[in-house]
Amino acid sequence: MQNSRISMARQTGPTAAAIVGFLVLVELTSGILQGYYTPLLTDIARFLGIHDADVNWFEAAQLMVSALVVPVLAKMGDMIGHRKVLLISMALTAAASWGVAFAPNFWLFIIAWALQGFYVVWLPLEIALIYSRSHSRPDGAALTRKSAGILVGALEFGVIVGALAGGFIGGALAGKLWLTLMIPAIAVTLCFFVILFGVPESANRTGGRIDTVGLSIMTLSLLLITAGLTLMRINGPGTWWAWAAVALGLGALVPFTRHELGHKDPLIDIRLLRQPSMWPVQLTAFLFGVSVLGAQAPLSTFARTNPLEVGYGLGASSGLVSILIGVYVLGLLVGALMFPVVTKWTTPRITLMGAAFLVAVGYLLFLPFHDSIGQVLANMAVAGIGSGALVAALPSAAAAAAPLTQTGMATGLTNATKTIGGAFASCVFGIALAGQALGSLTAGSQNTAAPLAGYLLVWTICGVTALVAAVALYFVPKLAFGATLPH
């Protein structure tokens, strides 16, 4: 009897709670990747000999890679094992991070930077790993939500640590940028071995093959839409061929949907996405990406704008902008940690709706209140709390709503749709602000800053999209994402 118990323990391996500790280290590393480079972007631009504005291409390239690889890797997680794919993505991210440290020119640097986007799939795979080991428990869904909150909390703490470390190490090692940029590469490399030796594989696998035809159509669609929006940003919204590219990209989604519905092993299960407990989550992720990924640059440039020159802005220094970002990230941390607690008082569905509503309130408050640092801090704190809860809630909600054999795909899609929403919003916001700035220049002004109307439009879009997300979540079944949800 004792031997059988030992054998059973060996088969079951560590519990979900036991592996969360190892996965916390992964999210700390992910946070470092997202925060470490921010204080160093100007130094990187000088080293590569490019204009500060060209740094935006780094984000655009990485978001596009992330949007393309996340559905594929998430699907592979369901097929061959979530831990195995997590290790593959971590190895690729580590190689790209070393490339960032030693890239000698702009093009090699942007390629390496873009390939770092593989890290975006880490959190969805981690949620799938946890859910695969906890779903049989009566409190399995609740444990997954709690673990998601802890992981996102570790992620946001890592962003803060990374930003502080990047600024301090960059200053201490001035003139040795390659040595400064080695730190994230070392962290990701060490994290690979943490997963290799500390985290067991998930038990549920589907097998099968990657739908290459579906991947090709989806890639073409995203490239056409993004190319069209980029052309609008460069040449203005009146460029007809830019609109044609966007229309062709959207049109490509029609044959993509038909192909996926007729495929035995689709890249994206359209039937799963049609379920009442799934489509609002994915729509919310897309709309959430508008603000969480697309609005950060406009907020930063607004804060740096000198009110004595244009009549608006905070005239903040780079140090003060770091404080503003820190308050927002702390809000994310608080929201992520509060998410599992609040769901005990209400339901996951109501918590999701409340989080989306907080994001909407935070950005809409910018419309009347943007004249002082205190007002901006308060707005960012409100939006940050809601955003942190959504970052934690969306992957776990998707996992609870999906069959066990499709948790990787479902959780991965939340990050993919969020990334796509952020990429599109970044282009649209760029068009709005650049168009407004162009109008100022043609009027004879020598100032290149966008008028306040451009920023008001950005904040309105962020607030309205968050409100739409809250309304969409209203249509989720009332008992969705709970421990008793059938599979």
Protein backbone atom coordinates (compact mmCIF):
# COMPACT_ATOMS: atom_id res chain seq x y z
CA MET A 1 0.00 0.00 0.00
CA GLN A 2 2.80 2.38 0.90
CA ASN A 3 4.65 1.60 -2.34
CA SER A 4 1.49 2.29 -4.36
CA ARG A 5 1.09 5.65 -2.65
CA ILE A 6 4.69 6.55 -3.45
CA SER A 7 4.18 5.50 -7.04
CA MET A 8 1.01 7.59 -7.28
CA ALA A 9 2.83 10.61 -5.84
CA ARG A 10 5.56 10.22 -8.41
CA GLN A 11 3.03 10.04 -11.18
CA THR A 12 1.09 13.05 -10.10
CA GLY A 13 4.21 15.11 -9.37
CA PRO A 14 4.12 18.61 -7.88
CA THR A 15 0.77 20.27 -7.33
CA ALA A 16 -0.33 23.43 -9.10
CA ALA A 17 0.52 25.45 -6.00
CA ALA A 18 4.02 23.97 -5.93
CA ILE A 19 4.92 25.00 -9.48
CA VAL A 20 3.58 28.54 -9.08
CA GLY A 21 6.76 29.44 -7.20
CA PHE A 22 8.89 28.48 -10.21
CA LEU A 23 6.55 30.27 -12.60
CA VAL A 24 6.77 33.44 -10.48
CA LEU A 25 10.45 33.58 -11.45
CA VAL A 26 9.43 33.36 -15.11
CA GLU A 27 7.07 36.32 -14.79
CA LEU A 28 9.67 38.32 -12.87
CA THR A 29 11.96 37.75 -15.82
CA SER A 30 9.18 38.72 -18.25
CA GLY A 31 8.69 41.94 -16.29
CA ILE A 32 12.41 42.67 -16.41
CA LEU A 33 12.33 42.27 -20.19
CA GLN A 34 9.45 44.74 -20.43
CA GLY A 35 10.85 47.33 -18.04
CA TYR A 36 14.64 47.11 -18.32
CA TYR A 37 15.08 48.66 -21.76
CA THR A 38 12.77 51.66 -21.30
CA PRO A 39 15.32 53.98 -19.60
CA LEU A 40 17.94 52.90 -22.16
CA LEU A 41 16.05 53.63 -25.39
CA THR A 42 17.78 56.97 -25.94
CA ASP A 43 21.19 55.36 -25.38
CA ILE A 44 20.25 52.58 -27.82
CA ALA A 45 19.17 55.13 -30.42
CA ARG A 46 22.49 56.99 -30.09
CA PHE A 47 24.46 53.74 -30.32
CA LEU A 48 22.63 52.69 -33.50
CA GLY A 49 22.79 56.18 -34.98
CA ILE A 50 19.03 56.53 -35.44
CA HIS A 51 16.50 59.24 -34.60
CA ASP A 52 14.49 58.91 -31.40
CA ALA A 53 11.29 58.56 -33.44
CA ASP A 54 12.68 55.44 -35.13
CA VAL A 55 12.58 53.66 -31.76
CA ASN A 56 8.83 53.22 -32.37
CA TRP A 57 9.69 50.66 -35.04
CA PHE A 58 11.04 48.39 -32.29
CA GLU A 59 7.62 48.14 -30.65
CA ALA A 60 5.80 47.77 -33.96
CA ALA A 61 8.06 44.91 -35.08
CA GLN A 62 7.82 43.09 -31.75
CA LEU A 63 4.04 43.42 -31.53
CA MET A 64 3.67 41.99 -35.03
CA VAL A 65 5.88 38.99 -34.25
CA SER A 66 3.99 38.42 -31.00
CA ALA A 67 0.63 38.53 -32.73
CA LEU A 68 1.77 35.92 -35.25
CA VAL A 69 3.60 33.48 -32.99
CA VAL A 70 1.30 33.40 -29.95
CA PRO A 71 -1.56 31.46 -31.62
CA VAL A 72 0.94 29.01 -33.13
CA LEU A 73 2.87 28.39 -29.92
CA ALA A 74 -0.32 28.21 -27.84
CA LYS A 75 -1.70 25.63 -30.24
CA MET A 76 1.58 23.71 -30.08
CA GLY A 77 1.27 23.73 -26.28
CA ASP A 78 -2.01 21.83 -26.53
CA MET A 79 -0.49 19.49 -29.13
CA ILE A 80 2.90 18.53 -27.67
CA GLY A 81 2.89 19.89 -24.11
CA HIS A 82 2.76 23.36 -22.56
CA ARG A 83 6.07 23.01 -20.70
CA LYS A 84 7.90 21.90 -23.84
CA VAL A 85 6.64 24.91 -25.81
CA LEU A 86 7.41 27.20 -22.87
CA LEU A 87 11.01 25.97 -22.98
CA ILE A 88 11.19 26.46 -26.76
CA SER A 89 9.86 30.01 -26.54
CA MET A 90 12.21 30.77 -23.66
CA ALA A 91 15.22 29.48 -25.59
CA LEU A 92 14.27 31.64 -28.58
CA THR A 93 13.76 34.67 -26.35
CA ALA A 94 17.14 34.09 -24.70
CA ALA A 95 18.86 33.87 -28.10
CA ALA A 96 17.12 37.07 -29.20
CA SER A 97 18.13 38.84 -25.98
CA TRP A 98 21.76 37.97 -26.57
CA GLY A 99 21.30 39.28 -30.11
CA VAL A 100 20.00 42.58 -28.74
CA ALA A 101 23.09 42.89 -26.56
CA PHE A 102 25.58 42.37 -29.39
CA ALA A 103 23.76 43.54 -32.55
CA PRO A 104 26.16 45.87 -34.42
CA ASN A 105 23.60 47.75 -36.55
CA PHE A 106 19.96 48.84 -36.72
CA TRP A 107 18.61 46.01 -38.88
CA LEU A 108 20.15 43.18 -36.85
CA PHE A 109 19.04 44.93 -33.68
CA ILE A 110 15.42 45.30 -34.81
CA ILE A 111 15.32 41.63 -35.91
CA ALA A 112 16.62 40.49 -32.52
CA TRP A 113 14.27 42.89 -30.72
CA ALA A 114 11.29 41.61 -32.70
CA LEU A 115 12.14 37.98 -31.91
CA GLN A 116 12.06 38.83 -28.21
CA GLY A 117 8.30 38.97 -28.73
CA PHE A 118 8.18 35.20 -28.11
CA TYR A 119 8.00 35.99 -24.38
CA VAL A 120 4.36 37.10 -24.83
CA VAL A 121 3.26 33.45 -24.87
CA TRP A 122 4.81 32.66 -21.46
CA LEU A 123 1.85 33.74 -19.28
CA PRO A 124 -0.83 31.88 -21.30
CA LEU A 125 1.27 28.69 -21.26
CA GLU A 126 1.81 29.06 -17.52
CA ILE A 127 -1.93 29.44 -16.90
CA ALA A 128 -2.54 26.34 -19.02
CA LEU A 129 0.09 24.42 -17.01
CA ILE A 130 -1.53 25.41 -13.72
CA TYR A 131 -5.05 24.66 -14.90
CA SER A 132 -4.02 21.24 -16.20
CA ARG A 133 -2.92 20.28 -12.68
CA SER A 134 -5.75 21.91 -10.76
CA HIS A 135 -8.88 21.31 -12.88
CA SER A 136 -9.75 18.07 -11.05
CA ARG A 137 -9.98 19.86 -7.72
CA PRO A 138 -13.29 21.35 -6.56
CA ASP A 139 -11.59 24.75 -6.30
CA GLY A 140 -9.55 24.31 -9.48
CA ALA A 141 -10.89 27.40 -11.28
CA ALA A 142 -10.47 29.53 -8.14
CA LEU A 143 -6.90 28.26 -7.69
CA THR A 144 -6.15 29.15 -11.31
CA ARG A 145 -7.48 32.69 -10.78
CA LYS A 146 -5.44 33.09 -7.60
CA SER A 147 -2.31 31.81 -9.35
CA ALA A 148 -2.92 34.17 -12.28
CA GLY A 149 -3.12 37.10 -9.88
CA ILE A 150 0.16 36.08 -8.24
CA LEU A 151 1.89 35.64 -11.60
CA VAL A 152 0.71 39.00 -12.93
CA GLY A 153 1.75 40.60 -9.64
CA ALA A 154 5.22 39.12 -10.15
CA LEU A 155 5.19 40.42 -13.73
CA GLU A 156 4.40 43.98 -12.70
CA PHE A 157 6.93 43.87 -9.85
CA GLY A 158 9.47 42.71 -12.43
CA VAL A 159 8.62 45.70 -14.64
CA ILE A 160 9.38 48.06 -11.75
CA VAL A 161 12.60 46.24 -10.85
CA GLY A 162 13.64 46.10 -14.49
CA ALA A 163 13.07 49.81 -15.07
CA LEU A 164 15.01 50.78 -11.94
CA ALA A 165 17.80 48.32 -12.71
CA GLY A 166 18.06 49.46 -16.33
CA GLY A 167 18.45 53.10 -15.31
CA PHE A 168 20.95 52.37 -12.53
CA ILE A 169 23.09 49.88 -14.44
CA GLY A 170 22.98 52.01 -17.59
CA GLY A 171 24.34 54.96 -15.61
CA ALA A 172 26.94 52.89 -13.81
CA LEU A 173 28.20 51.30 -17.03
CA ALA A 174 28.03 54.41 -19.24
CA GLY A 175 29.81 53.79 -22.52
CA LYS A 176 29.43 50.01 -22.21
CA LEU A 177 25.96 49.51 -23.60
CA TRP A 178 26.61 45.93 -24.70
CA LEU A 179 27.46 45.00 -21.12
CA THR A 180 24.33 46.72 -19.81
CA LEU A 181 22.14 44.89 -22.34
CA MET A 182 23.53 41.51 -21.28
CA ILE A 183 21.57 41.55 -18.00
CA PRO A 184 18.15 40.57 -19.47
CA ALA A 185 19.82 37.90 -21.61
CA ILE A 186 21.41 36.38 -18.52
CA ALA A 187 18.08 36.48 -16.66
CA VAL A 188 16.19 34.68 -19.46
CA THR A 189 18.94 32.07 -19.81
CA LEU A 190 18.82 31.26 -16.09
CA CYS A 191 15.03 31.14 -16.23
CA PHE A 192 15.21 28.45 -18.93
CA PHE A 193 16.95 26.10 -16.51
CA VAL A 194 14.44 26.94 -13.74
CA ILE A 195 11.64 25.61 -15.96
CA LEU A 196 13.72 22.72 -17.26
CA PHE A 197 14.36 21.32 -13.78
CA GLY A 198 11.48 22.69 -11.69
CA VAL A 199 8.25 22.46 -13.69
CA PRO A 200 6.58 19.22 -14.85
CA GLU A 201 4.73 18.78 -18.13
CA SER A 202 0.96 19.06 -18.46
CA ALA A 203 -0.97 15.82 -18.91
CA ASN A 204 -3.57 16.75 -21.56
CA ARG A 205 -2.33 16.76 -25.17
CA THR A 206 -4.20 16.70 -28.45
CA GLY A 207 -1.46 15.80 -30.95
CA GLY A 208 -2.04 16.82 -34.56
CA ARG A 209 -0.34 19.27 -36.91
CA ILE A 210 -0.07 23.02 -37.29
CA ASP A 211 -2.56 24.43 -39.78
CA THR A 212 -0.04 26.06 -42.14
CA VAL A 213 -2.69 27.26 -44.60
CA GLY A 214 -4.63 29.00 -41.86
CA LEU A 215 -1.40 30.48 -40.48
CA SER A 216 -0.48 31.81 -43.92
CA ILE A 217 -3.87 33.48 -44.44
CA MET A 218 -3.82 34.99 -40.95
CA THR A 219 -0.27 36.28 -41.47
CA LEU A 220 -1.27 37.87 -44.79
CA SER A 221 -4.31 39.48 -43.17
CA LEU A 222 -2.33 41.00 -40.29
CA LEU A 223 0.45 42.21 -42.57
CA LEU A 224 -2.00 43.91 -44.94
CA ILE A 225 -3.94 45.62 -42.14
CA THR A 226 -0.79 46.76 -40.33
CA ALA A 227 0.85 47.89 -43.59
CA GLY A 228 -2.23 49.92 -44.46
CA LEU A 229 -2.32 51.61 -41.07
CA THR A 230 1.42 52.29 -41.26
CA LEU A 231 0.99 53.91 -44.68
CA MET A 232 -1.76 56.09 -43.23
CA ARG A 233 0.57 57.10 -40.43
CA ILE A 234 3.32 58.03 -42.91
CA ASN A 235 1.30 59.50 -45.79
CA GLY A 236 -1.85 60.62 -44.02
CA PRO A 237 -5.36 59.15 -43.72
CA GLY A 238 -6.30 60.36 -47.20
CA THR A 239 -4.08 57.76 -48.90
CA TRP A 240 -6.43 55.51 -50.85
CA TRP A 241 -4.01 52.61 -51.29
CA ALA A 242 -3.56 52.48 -47.51
CA TRP A 243 -7.31 52.02 -47.10
CA ALA A 244 -7.23 49.39 -49.86
CA ALA A 245 -4.59 47.42 -47.97
CA VAL A 246 -6.70 47.52 -44.78
CA ALA A 247 -9.79 46.41 -46.73
CA LEU A 248 -7.89 43.50 -48.30
CA GLY A 249 -6.57 42.47 -44.89
CA LEU A 250 -10.05 42.47 -43.37
CA GLY A 251 -11.39 40.64 -46.42
CA ALA A 252 -8.81 37.90 -45.94
CA LEU A 253 -10.49 37.02 -42.65
CA VAL A 254 -13.47 35.63 -44.60
CA PRO A 255 -11.55 32.77 -46.32
CA PHE A 256 -9.59 32.29 -43.09
CA THR A 257 -12.80 31.68 -41.14
CA ARG A 258 -14.15 29.31 -43.80
CA HIS A 259 -10.90 27.37 -43.86
CA GLU A 260 -10.75 27.06 -40.07
CA LEU A 261 -14.36 25.85 -39.88
CA GLY A 262 -13.63 23.13 -42.43
CA HIS A 263 -10.30 22.04 -40.97
CA LYS A 264 -10.11 19.01 -38.67
CA ASP A 265 -7.31 20.52 -36.58
CA PRO A 266 -7.63 24.31 -36.98
CA LEU A 267 -5.09 26.84 -35.83
CA ILE A 268 -7.93 28.77 -34.19
CA ASP A 269 -11.09 26.90 -33.28
CA ILE A 270 -13.79 29.26 -34.57
CA ARG A 271 -16.53 27.12 -33.01
CA LEU A 272 -14.89 27.51 -29.61
CA LEU A 273 -14.67 31.27 -30.13
CA ARG A 274 -18.41 31.38 -30.86
CA GLN A 275 -19.29 30.04 -27.41
CA PRO A 276 -21.08 32.57 -25.17
CA SER A 277 -18.41 32.28 -22.47
CA MET A 278 -15.49 32.72 -24.92
CA TRP A 279 -16.15 35.40 -27.54
CA PRO A 280 -16.71 38.22 -25.00
CA VAL A 281 -13.39 37.34 -23.33
CA GLN A 282 -11.48 37.50 -26.62
CA LEU A 283 -13.27 40.69 -27.67
CA THR A 284 -12.41 42.22 -24.30
CA ALA A 285 -8.76 41.24 -24.77
CA PHE A 286 -8.69 42.98 -28.17
CA LEU A 287 -10.34 46.14 -26.83
CA PHE A 288 -8.17 46.08 -23.71
CA GLY A 289 -5.04 46.03 -25.88
CA VAL A 290 -6.07 49.43 -27.24
CA SER A 291 -5.34 51.11 -23.92
CA VAL A 292 -2.83 48.85 -22.18
CA LEU A 293 -0.49 48.66 -25.18
CA GLY A 294 -1.48 51.55 -27.43
CA ALA A 295 -1.91 54.47 -25.02
CA GLN A 296 1.37 54.44 -23.14
CA ALA A 297 3.42 56.42 -25.67
CA PRO A 298 0.78 59.19 -25.99
CA LEU A 299 0.63 59.45 -22.19
CA SER A 300 4.41 59.80 -22.03
CA THR A 301 4.60 62.47 -24.73
CA PHE A 302 1.69 64.37 -23.18
CA ALA A 303 3.48 64.45 -19.84
CA ARG A 304 6.72 65.68 -21.44
CA THR A 305 5.00 68.47 -23.40
CA ASN A 306 5.78 71.98 -22.11
CA PRO A 307 2.56 73.87 -21.24
CA LEU A 308 4.36 77.23 -21.59
CA GLU A 309 4.83 76.53 -25.31
CA VAL A 310 1.54 74.93 -26.35
CA GLY A 311 -0.85 75.57 -23.48
CA TYR A 312 -1.22 71.97 -22.30
CA GLY A 313 0.91 69.17 -20.87
CA LEU A 314 2.83 68.76 -17.64
CA GLY A 315 6.33 69.78 -18.69
CA ALA A 316 7.59 66.72 -16.83
CA SER A 317 11.20 65.56 -16.81
CA SER A 318 12.14 62.00 -17.70
CA GLY A 319 12.45 61.27 -13.98
CA LEU A 320 8.93 62.48 -13.30
CA VAL A 321 7.61 60.43 -16.21
CA SER A 322 9.22 57.39 -14.58
CA ILE A 323 7.24 58.17 -11.42
CA LEU A 324 4.01 58.41 -13.44
CA ILE A 325 4.76 55.07 -15.06
CA GLY A 326 5.59 53.64 -11.65
CA VAL A 327 2.21 54.69 -10.27
CA TYR A 328 0.48 53.05 -13.24
CA VAL A 329 2.46 49.83 -12.77
CA LEU A 330 1.70 49.83 -9.05
CA GLY A 331 -1.96 50.14 -9.99
CA LEU A 332 -1.54 47.10 -12.24
CA LEU A 333 0.04 45.21 -9.35
CA VAL A 334 -2.79 46.12 -6.96
CA GLY A 335 -5.42 45.17 -9.52
CA ALA A 336 -3.79 41.81 -10.24
CA LEU A 337 -3.56 40.92 -6.55
CA MET A 338 -7.11 42.11 -5.82
CA PHE A 339 -8.64 40.08 -8.67
CA PRO A 340 -8.81 36.67 -6.90
CA VAL A 341 -9.97 38.34 -3.67
CA VAL A 342 -12.82 40.25 -5.31
CA THR A 343 -14.03 37.13 -7.15
CA LYS A 344 -14.69 35.54 -3.75
CA TRP A 345 -17.14 38.32 -2.97
CA THR A 346 -18.85 38.41 -6.36
CA THR A 347 -18.27 36.28 -9.48
CA PRO A 348 -15.47 36.23 -12.08
CA ARG A 349 -17.89 37.66 -14.66
CA ILE A 350 -18.83 40.67 -12.53
CA THR A 351 -15.18 41.18 -11.61
CA LEU A 352 -14.24 41.31 -15.30
CA MET A 353 -17.01 43.82 -15.98
CA GLY A 354 -15.91 45.96 -13.04
CA ALA A 355 -12.28 45.91 -14.16
CA ALA A 356 -13.22 47.00 -17.69
CA PHE A 357 -15.38 49.77 -16.22
CA LEU A 358 -12.46 51.02 -14.10
CA VAL A 359 -10.27 51.21 -17.20
CA ALA A 360 -13.00 53.22 -18.94
CA VAL A 361 -13.40 55.61 -15.98
CA GLY A 362 -9.64 56.11 -15.67
CA TYR A 363 -9.19 57.20 -19.29
CA LEU A 364 -12.42 59.21 -19.56
CA LEU A 365 -11.35 61.16 -16.46
CA PHE A 366 -8.52 62.54 -18.60
CA LEU A 367 -11.04 64.52 -20.64
CA PRO A 368 -11.86 67.03 -17.87
CA PHE A 369 -8.88 66.38 -15.57
CA HIS A 370 -5.43 66.62 -17.17
CA ASP A 371 -4.04 69.96 -16.03
CA SER A 372 -1.89 68.82 -13.09
CA ILE A 373 0.35 65.98 -12.05
CA GLY A 374 -2.07 65.04 -9.27
CA GLN A 375 -4.96 64.67 -11.70
CA VAL A 376 -2.92 62.56 -14.13
CA LEU A 377 -1.65 60.36 -11.29
CA ALA A 378 -5.20 59.75 -10.04
CA ASN A 379 -6.45 58.89 -13.54
CA MET A 380 -3.57 56.49 -14.18
CA ALA A 381 -4.04 54.80 -10.80
CA VAL A 382 -7.73 54.09 -11.55
CA ALA A 383 -6.97 52.80 -15.04
CA GLY A 384 -4.03 50.80 -13.70
CA ILE A 385 -6.09 48.93 -11.10
CA GLY A 386 -8.65 47.91 -13.71
CA SER A 387 -5.94 46.98 -16.20
CA GLY A 388 -4.09 44.82 -13.68
CA ALA A 389 -7.25 42.89 -12.88
CA LEU A 390 -7.90 42.31 -16.59
CA VAL A 391 -4.33 41.13 -17.23
CA ALA A 392 -4.82 38.49 -14.54
CA ALA A 393 -8.45 37.69 -15.32
CA LEU A 394 -8.50 37.19 -19.07
CA PRO A 395 -6.18 34.15 -19.42
CA SER A 396 -7.74 32.34 -16.45
CA ALA A 397 -11.26 33.11 -17.71
CA ALA A 398 -10.35 31.73 -21.14
CA ALA A 399 -8.86 28.60 -19.57
CA ALA A 400 -11.99 27.99 -17.50
CA ALA A 401 -14.21 28.45 -20.55
CA ALA A 402 -12.25 26.08 -22.82
CA PRO A 403 -12.05 22.27 -22.96
CA LEU A 404 -9.00 20.81 -21.21
CA THR A 405 -7.37 19.95 -24.53
CA GLN A 406 -7.64 23.57 -25.75
CA THR A 407 -6.60 25.63 -22.73
CA GLY A 408 -3.31 26.61 -24.35
CA MET A 409 -5.01 27.90 -27.48
CA ALA A 410 -7.69 29.75 -25.51
CA THR A 411 -5.28 31.47 -23.12
CA GLY A 412 -2.84 32.20 -25.92
CA LEU A 413 -5.56 33.88 -27.96
CA THR A 414 -6.19 36.39 -25.16
CA ASN A 415 -2.61 37.60 -25.51
CA ALA A 416 -2.72 37.45 -29.31
CA THR A 417 -5.93 39.48 -29.58
CA LYS A 418 -4.65 41.94 -26.96
CA THR A 419 -1.43 42.37 -28.94
CA ILE A 420 -3.32 42.87 -32.20
CA GLY A 421 -5.54 45.46 -30.52
CA GLY A 422 -2.46 47.28 -29.24
CA ALA A 423 -0.73 47.20 -32.61
CA PHE A 424 -3.77 48.57 -34.42
CA ALA A 425 -4.35 51.21 -31.75
CA SER A 426 -0.72 52.31 -31.93
CA CYS A 427 -1.12 52.96 -35.66
CA VAL A 428 -4.49 54.70 -35.25
CA PHE A 429 -3.21 56.89 -32.40
CA GLY A 430 -0.16 57.76 -34.45
CA ILE A 431 -2.39 58.81 -37.33
CA ALA A 432 -4.58 60.92 -35.02
CA LEU A 433 -1.67 62.72 -33.34
CA ALA A 434 0.41 63.09 -36.50
CA GLY A 435 -2.58 64.41 -38.41
CA GLN A 436 -3.30 66.96 -35.73
CA ALA A 437 0.36 67.98 -35.59
CA LEU A 438 0.44 68.32 -39.37
CA GLY A 439 -2.51 70.66 -39.19
CA SER A 440 -0.64 72.85 -36.73
CA LEU A 441 2.38 73.03 -39.00
CA THR A 442 0.38 73.98 -42.06
CA ALA A 443 -1.18 76.77 -40.04
CA GLY A 444 2.29 78.29 -39.69
CA SER A 445 3.25 77.05 -36.26
CA GLN A 446 6.80 75.87 -35.70
CA ASN A 447 5.76 73.50 -32.94
CA THR A 448 5.64 69.80 -33.77
CA ALA A 449 3.56 68.77 -30.76
CA ALA A 450 0.02 67.59 -31.40
CA PRO A 451 -2.73 69.88 -30.10
CA LEU A 452 -4.74 68.84 -27.10
CA ALA A 453 -7.57 67.66 -29.38
CA GLY A 454 -5.37 64.79 -30.56
CA TYR A 455 -4.81 63.53 -27.01
CA LEU A 456 -8.48 63.98 -26.12
CA LEU A 457 -9.31 61.72 -29.06
CA VAL A 458 -6.86 59.06 -27.85
CA TRP A 459 -8.30 59.06 -24.33
CA THR A 460 -11.85 58.97 -25.68
CA ILE A 461 -11.06 55.91 -27.80
CA CYS A 462 -9.46 54.16 -24.80
CA GLY A 463 -12.44 54.91 -22.58
CA VAL A 464 -15.09 53.96 -25.12
CA THR A 465 -13.41 50.68 -26.08
CA ALA A 466 -13.22 49.73 -22.39
CA LEU A 467 -16.93 50.52 -21.99
CA VAL A 468 -17.73 48.35 -25.02
CA ALA A 469 -15.74 45.54 -23.39
CA ALA A 470 -17.77 45.87 -20.17
CA VAL A 471 -20.99 45.68 -22.17
CA ALA A 472 -19.76 42.63 -24.10
CA LEU A 473 -18.94 40.86 -20.84
CA TYR A 474 -22.54 41.40 -19.74
CA PHE A 475 -23.56 38.74 -22.27
CA VAL A 476 -21.33 36.08 -20.70
CA PRO A 477 -23.38 33.40 -18.86
CA LYS A 478 -23.70 34.36 -15.19
CA LEU A 479 -21.98 31.22 -13.90
CA ALA A 480 -19.13 31.27 -16.44
CA PHE A 481 -15.52 30.77 -15.31
CA GLY A 482 -16.56 29.21 -12.03
CA ALA A 483 -15.34 25.97 -10.51
CA THR A 484 -18.46 24.15 -11.65
CA LEU A 485 -18.20 25.13 -15.33
CA PRO A 486 -18.63 21.94 -17.36
CA HIS A 487 -16.06 20.84 -19.95
